[in-house]
Amino acid sequence: MIHRLILLGLACWLLAVAPAHAAQAVIALPQGREVLDMRWLDRDTLVLVEREAGELHISLVDAGGAERLEMELPRSLERAGGDPELFRLALSPLGNSLAVVERNASLLSASRLSAYRISREVISAVSTYRMPMEFWPDRMCWDEAGNNLFMSMRPYLQTKQKSSLGMFRMADSSFVALLEREKLDLVEQLAFLPGSGELAVLCSAYEGSYPRNPLLVLVKPAGNRTTILHAEASQGQLQLLDNGDLLLHTQAGRASTWRLPAGEDSMQQLEGTGLPAWDCQVSRDGSWLAGMSGEGLLLQNADASTAYGSGIASTLFRFNFDGSRLAVLEESDGVLHLLEPGSVVLQD
């Protein structure tokens, strides 16, 4: 059944002027809503997941028509915008799958995992799964296709739980334990690497050393094999770029940023102040880069021959599949900008 879509707003096309200029659309978002994540469902359709007053909202942005359409939610999804400690959400990289884990405040109650599919017409509930009572999901991430959800167990809660990493398979609604706590534990962050099919895990316990200094480990879900990728990841953070590259930013001592190119098995330290850098984005074909500068979001091509200073302050921006559009959420004004990198033209 096709759910009803409600047209919420209008947008206008404008020309932004800077050292270069680029066509863009500007869309005003409802005031008071927090954007949790956004992903491109296809070349011209952006999925927005928002929260307001304990309620969840999901919208589709049609970049071609510059319109925002709010989708009707299944009843089971409406209250998932509550306390983030009790409701954990994960949107897949392609915007086609959403996972919601509802964790009861009592450790004696099992968590409930609900999985949904998102299309341009409807959001449909696919599965509801009662997690093992002793496994409290903490960190979550989807694989590239949105078919398998990876989860870590919340540290220090359940001493009886043997597994620290698990996977929920959408195809048969089953939960599979991947690694035991003796192998890897105290997980801080997860990221699925589409280039290799591996799981990057930032953790503080590995191979019986419990706890130890944080390190970055690669896990092959198919065979549960592990490899230490970076042994000094104190105060580390992970960021998966739109092109599949992984960034590791560490702040213990001298801050440094490391990059794992998609499909490779060794990290490279990023030097200098240009792009790529921490908190940047790279289009899937590598032709465009975006990152924050002192004057707002900077958009440049791969060889830096063309650059556009947007003046937009943002912490969330994503390229679509072919790099033809860049969605930029303005930091404080509840405004969404849709830039077209291919339209950037240097001024004479």
C-alpha atoms as a PDB file:
ATOM      1  CA  MET A   1       0.000   0.000   0.000  1.00  0.00           C
ATOM      2  CA  ILE A   2       1.331   3.381  -0.955  1.00  0.00           C
ATOM      3  CA  HIS A   3       1.428   5.640   2.073  1.00  0.00           C
ATOM      4  CA  ARG A   4       0.289   9.195   1.906  1.00  0.00           C
ATOM      5  CA  LEU A   5       2.984  11.798   1.310  1.00  0.00           C
ATOM      6  CA  ILE A   6       2.407  15.318   2.559  1.00  0.00           C
ATOM      7  CA  LEU A   7       4.051  18.225   0.823  1.00  0.00           C
ATOM      8  CA  LEU A   8       5.464  20.404   3.585  1.00  0.00           C
ATOM      9  CA  GLY A   9       7.397  23.194   2.033  1.00  0.00           C
ATOM     10  CA  LEU A  10       8.649  25.045  -0.953  1.00  0.00           C
ATOM     11  CA  ALA A  11      12.187  25.807  -2.009  1.00  0.00           C
ATOM     12  CA  CYS A  12      13.752  28.157  -4.460  1.00  0.00           C
ATOM     13  CA  TRP A  13      16.767  27.859  -6.725  1.00  0.00           C
ATOM     14  CA  LEU A  14      19.406  30.491  -6.285  1.00  0.00           C
ATOM     15  CA  LEU A  15      22.906  31.276  -7.410  1.00  0.00           C
ATOM     16  CA  ALA A  16      25.595  31.399  -4.706  1.00  0.00           C
ATOM     17  CA  VAL A  17      28.440  33.803  -5.321  1.00  0.00           C
ATOM     18  CA  ALA A  18      31.970  33.294  -3.922  1.00  0.00           C
ATOM     19  CA  PRO A  19      35.437  32.838  -5.492  1.00  0.00           C
ATOM     20  CA  ALA A  20      33.423  30.469  -7.643  1.00  0.00           C
ATOM     21  CA  HIS A  21      29.695  30.152  -8.025  1.00  0.00           C
ATOM     22  CA  ALA A  22      27.391  27.125  -7.931  1.00  0.00           C
ATOM     23  CA  ALA A  23      23.694  26.495  -8.351  1.00  0.00           C
ATOM     24  CA  GLN A  24      21.934  25.294  -5.230  1.00  0.00           C
ATOM     25  CA  ALA A  25      18.486  24.768  -3.728  1.00  0.00           C
ATOM     26  CA  VAL A  26      17.597  25.930  -0.228  1.00  0.00           C
ATOM     27  CA  ILE A  27      14.910  24.138   1.788  1.00  0.00           C
ATOM     28  CA  ALA A  28      13.659  25.321   5.193  1.00  0.00           C
ATOM     29  CA  LEU A  29      13.148  22.502   7.709  1.00  0.00           C
ATOM     30  CA  PRO A  30      10.569  22.531  10.537  1.00  0.00           C
ATOM     31  CA  GLN A  31      11.776  24.481  13.557  1.00  0.00           C
ATOM     32  CA  GLY A  32      12.593  22.539  16.703  1.00  0.00           C
ATOM     33  CA  ARG A  33      13.514  19.281  15.006  1.00  0.00           C
ATOM     34  CA  GLU A  34      16.881  17.581  15.392  1.00  0.00           C
ATOM     35  CA  VAL A  35      18.238  15.895  12.268  1.00  0.00           C
ATOM     36  CA  LEU A  36      19.730  12.577  13.377  1.00  0.00           C
ATOM     37  CA  ASP A  37      21.022  11.446   9.987  1.00  0.00           C
ATOM     38  CA  MET A  38      20.509  11.812   6.253  1.00  0.00           C
ATOM     39  CA  ARG A  39      21.360   9.497   3.354  1.00  0.00           C
ATOM     40  CA  TRP A  40      20.740   9.450  -0.391  1.00  0.00           C
ATOM     41  CA  LEU A  41      18.159   6.833  -1.384  1.00  0.00           C
ATOM     42  CA  ASP A  42      18.903   7.409  -5.069  1.00  0.00           C
ATOM     43  CA  ARG A  43      20.518  10.079  -7.224  1.00  0.00           C
ATOM     44  CA  ASP A  44      17.810  12.672  -6.532  1.00  0.00           C
ATOM     45  CA  THR A  45      16.139  11.521  -3.289  1.00  0.00           C
ATOM     46  CA  LEU A  46      17.489  12.266   0.185  1.00  0.00           C
ATOM     47  CA  VAL A  47      16.197  10.535   3.336  1.00  0.00           C
ATOM     48  CA  LEU A  48      16.042  12.728   6.465  1.00  0.00           C
ATOM     49  CA  VAL A  49      15.585  11.162   9.915  1.00  0.00           C
ATOM     50  CA  GLU A  50      14.491  13.739  12.502  1.00  0.00           C
ATOM     51  CA  ARG A  51      13.438  13.790  16.155  1.00  0.00           C
ATOM     52  CA  GLU A  52      11.150  16.197  17.998  1.00  0.00           C
ATOM     53  CA  ALA A  53       9.555  15.964  21.458  1.00  0.00           C
ATOM     54  CA  GLY A  54       9.989  12.205  21.670  1.00  0.00           C
ATOM     55  CA  GLU A  55       8.597  11.538  18.204  1.00  0.00           C
ATOM     56  CA  LEU A  56      10.428  10.351  15.105  1.00  0.00           C
ATOM     57  CA  HIS A  57       9.911  11.915  11.682  1.00  0.00           C
ATOM     58  CA  ILE A  58      11.204  10.670   8.326  1.00  0.00           C
ATOM     59  CA  SER A  59      11.138  12.885   5.251  1.00  0.00           C
ATOM     60  CA  LEU A  60      12.138  12.504   1.625  1.00  0.00           C
ATOM     61  CA  VAL A  61      13.742  15.438  -0.148  1.00  0.00           C
ATOM     62  CA  ASP A  62      13.268  15.506  -3.914  1.00  0.00           C
ATOM     63  CA  ALA A  63      16.368  17.343  -5.099  1.00  0.00           C
ATOM     64  CA  GLY A  64      15.067  17.617  -8.651  1.00  0.00           C
ATOM     65  CA  GLY A  65      11.891  19.419  -7.618  1.00  0.00           C
ATOM     66  CA  ALA A  66      13.366  20.970  -4.462  1.00  0.00           C
ATOM     67  CA  GLU A  67      10.521  19.644  -2.297  1.00  0.00           C
ATOM     68  CA  ARG A  68      10.396  17.987   1.119  1.00  0.00           C
ATOM     69  CA  LEU A  69       7.809  15.272   1.656  1.00  0.00           C
ATOM     70  CA  GLU A  70       7.057  13.808   5.082  1.00  0.00           C
ATOM     71  CA  MET A  71       6.308  10.095   5.118  1.00  0.00           C
ATOM     72  CA  GLU A  72       3.671   8.296   7.120  1.00  0.00           C
ATOM     73  CA  LEU A  73       5.303   6.045   9.712  1.00  0.00           C
ATOM     74  CA  PRO A  74       4.271   2.594  10.892  1.00  0.00           C
ATOM     75  CA  ARG A  75       2.819   2.873  14.398  1.00  0.00           C
ATOM     76  CA  SER A  76       5.699   0.908  15.856  1.00  0.00           C
ATOM     77  CA  LEU A  77       8.110   3.586  14.658  1.00  0.00           C
ATOM     78  CA  GLU A  78       6.336   6.738  15.845  1.00  0.00           C
ATOM     79  CA  ARG A  79       7.721   6.837  19.396  1.00  0.00           C
ATOM     80  CA  ALA A  80      11.257   5.823  18.440  1.00  0.00           C
ATOM     81  CA  GLY A  81      12.343   9.444  18.813  1.00  0.00           C
ATOM     82  CA  GLY A  82      12.406   9.114  22.600  1.00  0.00           C
ATOM     83  CA  ASP A  83      15.338   8.969  25.015  1.00  0.00           C
ATOM     84  CA  PRO A  84      18.408   8.046  22.900  1.00  0.00           C
ATOM     85  CA  GLU A  85      19.645   5.843  25.744  1.00  0.00           C
ATOM     86  CA  LEU A  86      16.533   3.706  25.371  1.00  0.00           C
ATOM     87  CA  PHE A  87      16.070   4.002  21.596  1.00  0.00           C
ATOM     88  CA  ARG A  88      19.090   3.373  19.372  1.00  0.00           C
ATOM     89  CA  LEU A  89      18.672   4.122  15.657  1.00  0.00           C
ATOM     90  CA  ALA A  90      20.797   3.271  12.622  1.00  0.00           C
ATOM     91  CA  LEU A  91      20.111   4.355   9.024  1.00  0.00           C
ATOM     92  CA  SER A  92      21.841   2.321   6.311  1.00  0.00           C
ATOM     93  CA  PRO A  93      24.376   3.951   3.921  1.00  0.00           C
ATOM     94  CA  LEU A  94      21.920   3.719   1.015  1.00  0.00           C
ATOM     95  CA  GLY A  95      19.045   5.088   3.084  1.00  0.00           C
ATOM     96  CA  ASN A  96      16.940   1.998   2.387  1.00  0.00           C
ATOM     97  CA  SER A  97      16.994   0.352   5.838  1.00  0.00           C
ATOM     98  CA  LEU A  98      16.382   1.637   9.352  1.00  0.00           C
ATOM     99  CA  ALA A  99      16.991  -0.239  12.594  1.00  0.00           C
ATOM    100  CA  VAL A 100      15.521   0.737  15.951  1.00  0.00           C
ATOM    101  CA  VAL A 101      16.589  -0.977  19.168  1.00  0.00           C
ATOM    102  CA  GLU A 102      14.337  -0.329  22.152  1.00  0.00           C
ATOM    103  CA  ARG A 103      16.215  -1.012  25.369  1.00  0.00           C
ATOM    104  CA  ASN A 104      14.231  -1.360  28.571  1.00  0.00           C
ATOM    105  CA  ALA A 105      15.526   0.647  31.512  1.00  0.00           C
ATOM    106  CA  SER A 106      15.813  -2.613  33.469  1.00  0.00           C
ATOM    107  CA  LEU A 107      18.672  -4.967  32.664  1.00  0.00           C
ATOM    108  CA  LEU A 108      16.320  -7.842  33.455  1.00  0.00           C
ATOM    109  CA  SER A 109      14.271  -7.105  30.326  1.00  0.00           C
ATOM    110  CA  ALA A 110      15.250  -8.005  26.777  1.00  0.00           C
ATOM    111  CA  SER A 111      15.849  -5.383  24.100  1.00  0.00           C
ATOM    112  CA  ARG A 112      13.641  -5.343  21.017  1.00  0.00           C
ATOM    113  CA  LEU A 113      15.046  -4.811  17.538  1.00  0.00           C
ATOM    114  CA  SER A 114      12.748  -3.561  14.773  1.00  0.00           C
ATOM    115  CA  ALA A 115      13.894  -3.364  11.150  1.00  0.00           C
ATOM    116  CA  TYR A 116      12.255  -1.288   8.409  1.00  0.00           C
ATOM    117  CA  ARG A 117      12.637  -0.822   4.660  1.00  0.00           C
ATOM    118  CA  ILE A 118      12.409   2.651   3.136  1.00  0.00           C
ATOM    119  CA  SER A 119      11.387   3.332  -0.452  1.00  0.00           C
ATOM    120  CA  ARG A 120      10.126   6.397  -2.252  1.00  0.00           C
ATOM    121  CA  GLU A 121       6.543   5.234  -1.658  1.00  0.00           C
ATOM    122  CA  VAL A 122       6.425   3.656   1.784  1.00  0.00           C
ATOM    123  CA  ILE A 123       8.183   2.727   5.022  1.00  0.00           C
ATOM    124  CA  SER A 124       7.412  -0.903   5.786  1.00  0.00           C
ATOM    125  CA  ALA A 125       8.105  -2.942   8.912  1.00  0.00           C
ATOM    126  CA  VAL A 126      10.139  -6.019   7.974  1.00  0.00           C
ATOM    127  CA  SER A 127      10.954  -7.704  11.262  1.00  0.00           C
ATOM    128  CA  THR A 128      10.721  -7.435  15.036  1.00  0.00           C
ATOM    129  CA  TYR A 129      13.236  -9.514  16.973  1.00  0.00           C
ATOM    130  CA  ARG A 130      13.571 -10.070  20.702  1.00  0.00           C
ATOM    131  CA  MET A 131      17.278  -9.864  21.503  1.00  0.00           C
ATOM    132  CA  PRO A 132      18.936 -12.299  23.925  1.00  0.00           C
ATOM    133  CA  MET A 133      18.193 -10.832  27.352  1.00  0.00           C
ATOM    134  CA  GLU A 134      21.862 -10.565  28.317  1.00  0.00           C
ATOM    135  CA  PHE A 135      22.863  -8.790  25.065  1.00  0.00           C
ATOM    136  CA  TRP A 136      22.209  -5.056  25.348  1.00  0.00           C
ATOM    137  CA  PRO A 137      22.993  -3.515  21.929  1.00  0.00           C
ATOM    138  CA  ASP A 138      25.116  -0.396  22.117  1.00  0.00           C
ATOM    139  CA  ARG A 139      26.865   0.604  18.874  1.00  0.00           C
ATOM    140  CA  MET A 140      25.284  -0.280  15.535  1.00  0.00           C
ATOM    141  CA  CYS A 141      26.056   0.006  11.831  1.00  0.00           C
ATOM    142  CA  TRP A 142      24.629  -1.464   8.619  1.00  0.00           C
ATOM    143  CA  ASP A 143      26.468  -3.062   5.756  1.00  0.00           C
ATOM    144  CA  GLU A 144      26.443  -1.159   2.460  1.00  0.00           C
ATOM    145  CA  ALA A 145      23.257  -2.760   1.100  1.00  0.00           C
ATOM    146  CA  GLY A 146      21.285  -2.451   4.335  1.00  0.00           C
ATOM    147  CA  ASN A 147      20.828  -6.217   4.675  1.00  0.00           C
ATOM    148  CA  ASN A 148      22.931  -6.987   7.761  1.00  0.00           C
ATOM    149  CA  LEU A 149      23.067  -4.960  10.976  1.00  0.00           C
ATOM    150  CA  PHE A 150      26.179  -5.202  13.155  1.00  0.00           C
ATOM    151  CA  MET A 151      25.922  -4.539  16.892  1.00  0.00           C
ATOM    152  CA  SER A 152      28.247  -4.381  19.866  1.00  0.00           C
ATOM    153  CA  MET A 153      27.227  -5.172  23.418  1.00  0.00           C
ATOM    154  CA  ARG A 154      27.166  -2.328  25.906  1.00  0.00           C
ATOM    155  CA  PRO A 155      30.304  -2.628  28.079  1.00  0.00           C
ATOM    156  CA  TYR A 156      30.343  -3.392  31.799  1.00  0.00           C
ATOM    157  CA  LEU A 157      26.677  -4.428  32.044  1.00  0.00           C
ATOM    158  CA  GLN A 158      26.254  -8.157  31.540  1.00  0.00           C
ATOM    159  CA  THR A 159      29.134 -10.249  32.834  1.00  0.00           C
ATOM    160  CA  LYS A 160      27.372 -13.478  31.801  1.00  0.00           C
ATOM    161  CA  GLN A 161      27.205 -12.531  28.134  1.00  0.00           C
ATOM    162  CA  LYS A 162      29.884 -14.321  26.119  1.00  0.00           C
ATOM    163  CA  SER A 163      29.522 -12.365  22.866  1.00  0.00           C
ATOM    164  CA  SER A 164      30.687  -8.791  22.324  1.00  0.00           C
ATOM    165  CA  LEU A 165      29.740  -8.500  18.635  1.00  0.00           C
ATOM    166  CA  GLY A 166      26.656  -9.751  16.852  1.00  0.00           C
ATOM    167  CA  MET A 167      24.887  -9.487  13.500  1.00  0.00           C
ATOM    168  CA  PHE A 168      21.188  -9.337  12.656  1.00  0.00           C
ATOM    169  CA  ARG A 169      20.339 -10.724   9.226  1.00  0.00           C
ATOM    170  CA  MET A 170      17.379  -9.045   7.589  1.00  0.00           C
ATOM    171  CA  ALA A 171      16.824 -11.954   5.171  1.00  0.00           C
ATOM    172  CA  ASP A 172      15.754 -14.472   7.815  1.00  0.00           C
ATOM    173  CA  SER A 173      15.339 -12.208  10.885  1.00  0.00           C
ATOM    174  CA  SER A 174      18.049 -14.043  12.802  1.00  0.00           C
ATOM    175  CA  PHE A 175      20.752 -12.969  15.256  1.00  0.00           C
ATOM    176  CA  VAL A 176      24.261 -14.388  14.881  1.00  0.00           C
ATOM    177  CA  ALA A 177      27.011 -14.016  17.487  1.00  0.00           C
ATOM    178  CA  LEU A 178      30.283 -13.007  15.801  1.00  0.00           C
ATOM    179  CA  LEU A 179      32.996 -12.651  18.447  1.00  0.00           C
ATOM    180  CA  GLU A 180      33.358 -13.556  22.107  1.00  0.00           C
ATOM    181  CA  ARG A 181      34.405 -11.035  24.719  1.00  0.00           C
ATOM    182  CA  GLU A 182      37.667 -12.890  25.333  1.00  0.00           C
ATOM    183  CA  LYS A 183      38.650 -12.044  21.751  1.00  0.00           C
ATOM    184  CA  LEU A 184      37.417  -8.442  21.593  1.00  0.00           C
ATOM    185  CA  ASP A 185      35.480  -6.249  24.023  1.00  0.00           C
ATOM    186  CA  LEU A 186      34.789  -2.706  25.264  1.00  0.00           C
ATOM    187  CA  VAL A 187      33.713  -1.548  21.816  1.00  0.00           C
ATOM    188  CA  GLU A 188      33.529   2.211  21.327  1.00  0.00           C
ATOM    189  CA  GLN A 189      32.602   2.500  17.635  1.00  0.00           C
ATOM    190  CA  LEU A 190      31.808   0.391  14.553  1.00  0.00           C
ATOM    191  CA  ALA A 191      32.038   1.041  10.807  1.00  0.00           C
ATOM    192  CA  PHE A 192      31.380  -1.324   7.891  1.00  0.00           C
ATOM    193  CA  LEU A 193      33.906  -1.007   5.055  1.00  0.00           C
ATOM    194  CA  PRO A 194      32.162  -1.573   1.694  1.00  0.00           C
ATOM    195  CA  GLY A 195      35.423  -1.944  -0.217  1.00  0.00           C
ATOM    196  CA  SER A 196      36.528  -5.049   1.699  1.00  0.00           C
ATOM    197  CA  GLY A 197      33.372  -6.236   3.456  1.00  0.00           C
ATOM    198  CA  GLU A 198      35.165  -5.944   6.801  1.00  0.00           C
ATOM    199  CA  LEU A 199      34.048  -4.366  10.045  1.00  0.00           C
ATOM    200  CA  ALA A 200      36.268  -1.676  11.598  1.00  0.00           C
ATOM    201  CA  VAL A 201      36.034  -1.849  15.395  1.00  0.00           C
ATOM    202  CA  LEU A 202      37.440   0.713  17.819  1.00  0.00           C
ATOM    203  CA  CYS A 203      37.847  -1.121  21.124  1.00  0.00           C
ATOM    204  CA  SER A 204      39.788  -1.215  24.407  1.00  0.00           C
ATOM    205  CA  ALA A 205      40.074  -4.965  25.001  1.00  0.00           C
ATOM    206  CA  TYR A 206      41.664  -7.478  22.626  1.00  0.00           C
ATOM    207  CA  GLU A 207      43.086 -11.003  22.887  1.00  0.00           C
ATOM    208  CA  GLY A 208      42.802 -11.256  26.668  1.00  0.00           C
ATOM    209  CA  SER A 209      44.243  -7.807  27.418  1.00  0.00           C
ATOM    210  CA  TYR A 210      41.392  -6.270  29.384  1.00  0.00           C
ATOM    211  CA  PRO A 211      41.338  -3.320  29.363  1.00  0.00           C
ATOM    212  CA  ARG A 212      44.151  -1.831  27.320  1.00  0.00           C
ATOM    213  CA  ASN A 213      44.838   1.285  25.290  1.00  0.00           C
ATOM    214  CA  PRO A 214      42.216   1.718  22.546  1.00  0.00           C
ATOM    215  CA  LEU A 215      43.097   0.191  19.190  1.00  0.00           C
ATOM    216  CA  LEU A 216      41.471  -0.233  15.783  1.00  0.00           C
ATOM    217  CA  VAL A 217      40.746  -3.815  14.718  1.00  0.00           C
ATOM    218  CA  LEU A 218      39.468  -5.191  11.406  1.00  0.00           C
ATOM    219  CA  VAL A 219      36.968  -8.055  11.658  1.00  0.00           C
ATOM    220  CA  LYS A 220      36.003 -10.331   8.754  1.00  0.00           C
ATOM    221  CA  PRO A 221      32.390 -11.294   9.576  1.00  0.00           C
ATOM    222  CA  ALA A 222      32.453 -14.305   7.242  1.00  0.00           C
ATOM    223  CA  GLY A 223      35.200 -16.090   9.156  1.00  0.00           C
ATOM    224  CA  ASN A 224      35.375 -14.033  12.346  1.00  0.00           C
ATOM    225  CA  ARG A 225      39.063 -13.348  11.700  1.00  0.00           C
ATOM    226  CA  THR A 226      40.619 -10.245  13.241  1.00  0.00           C
ATOM    227  CA  THR A 227      43.620  -8.040  12.456  1.00  0.00           C
ATOM    228  CA  ILE A 228      45.006  -5.058  14.361  1.00  0.00           C
ATOM    229  CA  LEU A 229      44.968  -2.109  11.975  1.00  0.00           C
ATOM    230  CA  HIS A 230      46.138   0.676  14.301  1.00  0.00           C
ATOM    231  CA  ALA A 231      47.517  -0.001  17.775  1.00  0.00           C
ATOM    232  CA  GLU A 232      47.522   3.571  19.123  1.00  0.00           C
ATOM    233  CA  ALA A 233      43.965   4.895  18.967  1.00  0.00           C
ATOM    234  CA  SER A 234      43.583   6.643  22.328  1.00  0.00           C
ATOM    235  CA  GLN A 235      40.703   9.132  22.345  1.00  0.00           C
ATOM    236  CA  GLY A 236      39.953   7.965  18.817  1.00  0.00           C
ATOM    237  CA  GLN A 237      36.957   8.529  16.566  1.00  0.00           C
ATOM    238  CA  LEU A 238      35.978   6.836  13.303  1.00  0.00           C
ATOM    239  CA  GLN A 239      34.382   8.404  10.234  1.00  0.00           C
ATOM    240  CA  LEU A 240      33.312   6.502   7.120  1.00  0.00           C
ATOM    241  CA  LEU A 241      33.395   8.701   4.018  1.00  0.00           C
ATOM    242  CA  ASP A 242      30.895   8.539   1.166  1.00  0.00           C
ATOM    243  CA  ASN A 243      33.532   6.940  -1.092  1.00  0.00           C
ATOM    244  CA  GLY A 244      34.195   4.086   1.368  1.00  0.00           C
ATOM    245  CA  ASP A 245      37.432   5.450   2.860  1.00  0.00           C
ATOM    246  CA  LEU A 246      37.775   5.283   6.657  1.00  0.00           C
ATOM    247  CA  LEU A 247      39.223   8.077   8.795  1.00  0.00           C
ATOM    248  CA  LEU A 248      40.626   7.626  12.299  1.00  0.00           C
ATOM    249  CA  HIS A 249      41.169  10.761  14.371  1.00  0.00           C
ATOM    250  CA  THR A 250      43.171  10.470  17.610  1.00  0.00           C
ATOM    251  CA  GLN A 251      43.574  13.238  20.172  1.00  0.00           C
ATOM    252  CA  ALA A 252      45.867  11.738  22.813  1.00  0.00           C
ATOM    253  CA  GLY A 253      49.060  13.792  22.828  1.00  0.00           C
ATOM    254  CA  ARG A 254      49.412  15.336  19.385  1.00  0.00           C
ATOM    255  CA  ALA A 255      46.176  15.104  17.407  1.00  0.00           C
ATOM    256  CA  SER A 256      46.501  13.151  14.172  1.00  0.00           C
ATOM    257  CA  THR A 257      44.235  11.837  11.417  1.00  0.00           C
ATOM    258  CA  TRP A 258      44.740   8.553   9.564  1.00  0.00           C
ATOM    259  CA  ARG A 259      43.082   7.370   6.368  1.00  0.00           C
ATOM    260  CA  LEU A 260      42.338   3.833   5.203  1.00  0.00           C
ATOM    261  CA  PRO A 261      41.560   3.967   1.453  1.00  0.00           C
ATOM    262  CA  ALA A 262      38.664   1.752   0.374  1.00  0.00           C
ATOM    263  CA  GLY A 263      39.772  -1.824  -0.290  1.00  0.00           C
ATOM    264  CA  GLU A 264      43.274  -1.399   1.194  1.00  0.00           C
ATOM    265  CA  ASP A 265      44.743  -2.819   4.408  1.00  0.00           C
ATOM    266  CA  SER A 266      47.116  -0.119   5.689  1.00  0.00           C
ATOM    267  CA  MET A 267      46.501   3.391   6.984  1.00  0.00           C
ATOM    268  CA  GLN A 268      48.115   6.615   5.809  1.00  0.00           C
ATOM    269  CA  GLN A 269      48.604   9.644   8.033  1.00  0.00           C
ATOM    270  CA  LEU A 270      47.106  12.827   6.612  1.00  0.00           C
ATOM    271  CA  GLU A 271      49.494  15.758   6.660  1.00  0.00           C
ATOM    272  CA  GLY A 272      48.891  19.469   6.176  1.00  0.00           C
ATOM    273  CA  THR A 273      45.695  21.470   6.479  1.00  0.00           C
ATOM    274  CA  GLY A 274      44.023  20.845   3.119  1.00  0.00           C
ATOM    275  CA  LEU A 275      41.469  18.264   2.025  1.00  0.00           C
ATOM    276  CA  PRO A 276      40.992  15.416   2.686  1.00  0.00           C
ATOM    277  CA  ALA A 277      40.871  15.989   6.436  1.00  0.00           C
ATOM    278  CA  TRP A 278      38.862  14.964   9.481  1.00  0.00           C
ATOM    279  CA  ASP A 279      35.148  15.795   9.144  1.00  0.00           C
ATOM    280  CA  CYS A 280      35.406  16.005   5.350  1.00  0.00           C
ATOM    281  CA  GLN A 281      33.480  14.080   2.696  1.00  0.00           C
ATOM    282  CA  VAL A 282      34.601  12.618  -0.634  1.00  0.00           C
ATOM    283  CA  SER A 283      32.257  11.723  -3.486  1.00  0.00           C
ATOM    284  CA  ARG A 284      32.165   8.056  -4.483  1.00  0.00           C
ATOM    285  CA  ASP A 285      34.154   8.601  -7.660  1.00  0.00           C
ATOM    286  CA  GLY A 286      36.675  10.784  -5.814  1.00  0.00           C
ATOM    287  CA  SER A 287      36.081  13.764  -8.100  1.00  0.00           C
ATOM    288  CA  TRP A 288      34.814  16.140  -5.384  1.00  0.00           C
ATOM    289  CA  LEU A 289      35.768  16.838  -1.781  1.00  0.00           C
ATOM    290  CA  ALA A 290      33.935  18.868   0.854  1.00  0.00           C
ATOM    291  CA  GLY A 291      35.092  20.041   4.266  1.00  0.00           C
ATOM    292  CA  MET A 292      34.889  22.872   6.743  1.00  0.00           C
ATOM    293  CA  SER A 293      37.189  25.870   6.509  1.00  0.00           C
ATOM    294  CA  GLY A 294      37.347  29.070   8.533  1.00  0.00           C
ATOM    295  CA  GLU A 295      34.688  30.582   6.284  1.00  0.00           C
ATOM    296  CA  GLY A 296      32.271  27.654   6.139  1.00  0.00           C
ATOM    297  CA  LEU A 297      31.938  24.623   3.916  1.00  0.00           C
ATOM    298  CA  LEU A 298      34.538  24.402   1.145  1.00  0.00           C
ATOM    299  CA  LEU A 299      33.794  22.382  -1.992  1.00  0.00           C
ATOM    300  CA  GLN A 300      36.674  21.547  -4.339  1.00  0.00           C
ATOM    301  CA  ASN A 301      37.474  19.128  -7.140  1.00  0.00           C
ATOM    302  CA  ALA A 302      40.089  16.381  -6.826  1.00  0.00           C
ATOM    303  CA  ASP A 303      43.057  18.387  -8.136  1.00  0.00           C
ATOM    304  CA  ALA A 304      41.967  21.562  -6.266  1.00  0.00           C
ATOM    305  CA  SER A 305      41.789  23.520  -9.526  1.00  0.00           C
ATOM    306  CA  THR A 306      38.206  24.558  -8.740  1.00  0.00           C
ATOM    307  CA  ALA A 307      37.010  25.562  -5.275  1.00  0.00           C
ATOM    308  CA  TYR A 308      33.794  27.046  -3.945  1.00  0.00           C
ATOM    309  CA  GLY A 309      33.469  28.636  -0.499  1.00  0.00           C
ATOM    310  CA  SER A 310      29.802  28.286   0.438  1.00  0.00           C
ATOM    311  CA  GLY A 311      29.909  30.233   3.705  1.00  0.00           C
ATOM    312  CA  ILE A 312      27.651  27.565   5.247  1.00  0.00           C
ATOM    313  CA  ALA A 313      28.480  26.326   8.758  1.00  0.00           C
ATOM    314  CA  SER A 314      27.703  22.612   8.847  1.00  0.00           C
ATOM    315  CA  THR A 315      28.592  19.376  10.622  1.00  0.00           C
ATOM    316  CA  LEU A 316      26.514  17.068   8.391  1.00  0.00           C
ATOM    317  CA  PHE A 317      26.907  16.910   4.610  1.00  0.00           C
ATOM    318  CA  ARG A 318      26.723  14.008   2.157  1.00  0.00           C
ATOM    319  CA  PHE A 319      27.303  13.377  -1.559  1.00  0.00           C
ATOM    320  CA  ASN A 320      24.816  11.378  -3.603  1.00  0.00           C
ATOM    321  CA  PHE A 321      25.831   8.224  -5.520  1.00  0.00           C
ATOM    322  CA  ASP A 322      27.436   9.878  -8.544  1.00  0.00           C
ATOM    323  CA  GLY A 323      28.687  13.053  -6.851  1.00  0.00           C
ATOM    324  CA  SER A 324      26.270  15.246  -8.797  1.00  0.00           C
ATOM    325  CA  ARG A 325      24.662  16.613  -5.611  1.00  0.00           C
ATOM    326  CA  LEU A 326      25.833  17.491  -2.115  1.00  0.00           C
ATOM    327  CA  ALA A 327      23.312  17.824   0.732  1.00  0.00           C
ATOM    328  CA  VAL A 328      24.463  20.277   3.419  1.00  0.00           C
ATOM    329  CA  LEU A 329      22.600  20.767   6.698  1.00  0.00           C
ATOM    330  CA  GLU A 330      23.163  24.274   8.043  1.00  0.00           C
ATOM    331  CA  GLU A 331      24.333  24.034  11.626  1.00  0.00           C
ATOM    332  CA  SER A 332      21.923  26.303  13.488  1.00  0.00           C
ATOM    333  CA  ASP A 333      19.213  27.625  11.174  1.00  0.00           C
ATOM    334  CA  GLY A 334      17.324  24.444  10.248  1.00  0.00           C
ATOM    335  CA  VAL A 335      18.095  24.913   6.565  1.00  0.00           C
ATOM    336  CA  LEU A 336      19.072  22.257   4.031  1.00  0.00           C
ATOM    337  CA  HIS A 337      21.243  23.257   1.059  1.00  0.00           C
ATOM    338  CA  LEU A 338      21.461  21.082  -2.056  1.00  0.00           C
ATOM    339  CA  LEU A 339      24.586  21.976  -4.023  1.00  0.00           C
ATOM    340  CA  GLU A 340      25.467  20.807  -7.527  1.00  0.00           C
ATOM    341  CA  PRO A 341      29.268  20.349  -7.682  1.00  0.00           C
ATOM    342  CA  GLY A 342      29.189  20.051 -11.462  1.00  0.00           C
ATOM    343  CA  SER A 343      27.801  23.575 -11.722  1.00  0.00           C
ATOM    344  CA  VAL A 344      30.739  25.152  -9.873  1.00  0.00           C
ATOM    345  CA  VAL A 345      32.308  27.702 -12.219  1.00  0.00           C
ATOM    346  CA  LEU A 346      35.296  29.905 -11.497  1.00  0.00           C
ATOM    347  CA  GLN A 347      34.573  33.596 -11.824  1.00  0.00           C
ATOM    348  CA  ASP A 348      36.663  35.763 -14.071  1.00  0.00           C
END
